[in-house]
Amino acid sequence: MKEEKLEERLSRVLRFVAPGTPLREGLENILRATSGGLIVIGDSAEIREISEGGFVINAEFSPARLYELAKMDGAIILSKDARKILAANTQLIPSPNIPSGETGIRHRTAERVAKQTDTLVITISQRRGIVTLYKGNLKYVLRDMSVILDKAGQAIQTLEKYRSVLGRVMVNLSVLEFEDSATLFDAAKSIQRVEMVLRVEKEIERYTSELGVEGRLITMQTEELVSDVEEEGLRVIQDYATTMGEKTPSNIFSVIRSWPAEDLLDLSLIARALGYPGSASILEQHVSPRGYRILEKIPRLPLPVVDNLVKTFGTLSRMLVATIEELDEVEGIGEVRARSIKEGLQRYREHLVQER
């Protein structure tokens, strides 16, 4: 969970300085002029306590003004939303007791200020021509756009492959569910593949955060590829988890999503997360789904009706053999809807056989 919070923090920071923002334009101007700079985003009480000297500016932010002020030696202090330049040529005096792995004075100061105040501090290295971001214990060096675009392109290709495999796994699970021959292995495999797709999406999210307006096309591709993937995973959990009264599908999925990659590869761990005890041999156990995921494939079937069907019949296999009269007796289902459910399930089954 700590790693996930770090990822979220990094994404927010990267979006703040992404291409297309005025702040990024100002940073690029400083880089192109082979100049350096130290920029603090925020004017908290902690920042004021460690600031000394400089000039009060209190002017609207513009990339050109940032570039001109960076010609001075001290730090530039911006408002928290980076819309105003508050001060320039300010000397920052953070606690020398804060550990720093940096060697240059500017970068060492930036790292200590970020750790002491949890403020975003940006350094532009005049000699190396790179931009480094510090916030709390986080440090990140901005990379060249072409490098990020290449990596994002590779990640999209990986996502497409994973999404294709997930599609086949889900079709196979659905066919087995209609035949009432699914095992815990099939259910756990589906959840594993859902999470693998979502982890690649998370990786792409970091690239698009850093790309800003340059990553719009990649964002659109990603959104199309992962559409409804998480919901599908939650439905599988809802169908097979034995702890549904104690935990929600979201709770169970959150636990699985917090695991390291090596744990995700162990399907028996996923089975245990679903509430099944025992070793890897438990994966061969026959399991019957409740039917939430398959019933969701039927158009215009309200969620309360789906809940009533599951409460009445218990499993998908019992719903499949139910007569129209038996379906009609369920609360919220009349004869017309009962016939529609029966026909909808048959159509989806035929569709699955063709896909398979």
Foldseek 3Di string as FASTA:
>chain_A
DVVVVVLVVLLVVLLLLAPPDQNVLLLVLLLVVLAKAKEWQADDPLQVVQKDDFAFDFAFDGSVVSNVLRVADAHWYAHNSRGTTGTGNIHGHADPPDDDPDDDPRVRSQQRSQQRPQTWMWIQHSVPSWIWIHGRNDIDIQDDLVVLVVVLVVLLVVLVVLLVVLVVLVLVQVLCLQVLFAFLLSLLVNLLSLLVSVVSLSVSSSSCSNNHPNCPVSVVSSCVSNPCSVVLSLLSLQFQAPCVVPDHSVRLSVVLNPDDPVCSVQSVVNVVSSPDDDDPVRRNHRDFTLCRNVLVQQPPDDPVLSVQSSVVQVGPNSLQPDDLVRSCPGPPHHSVNSVSSNVSSVVVNVVSVVVD
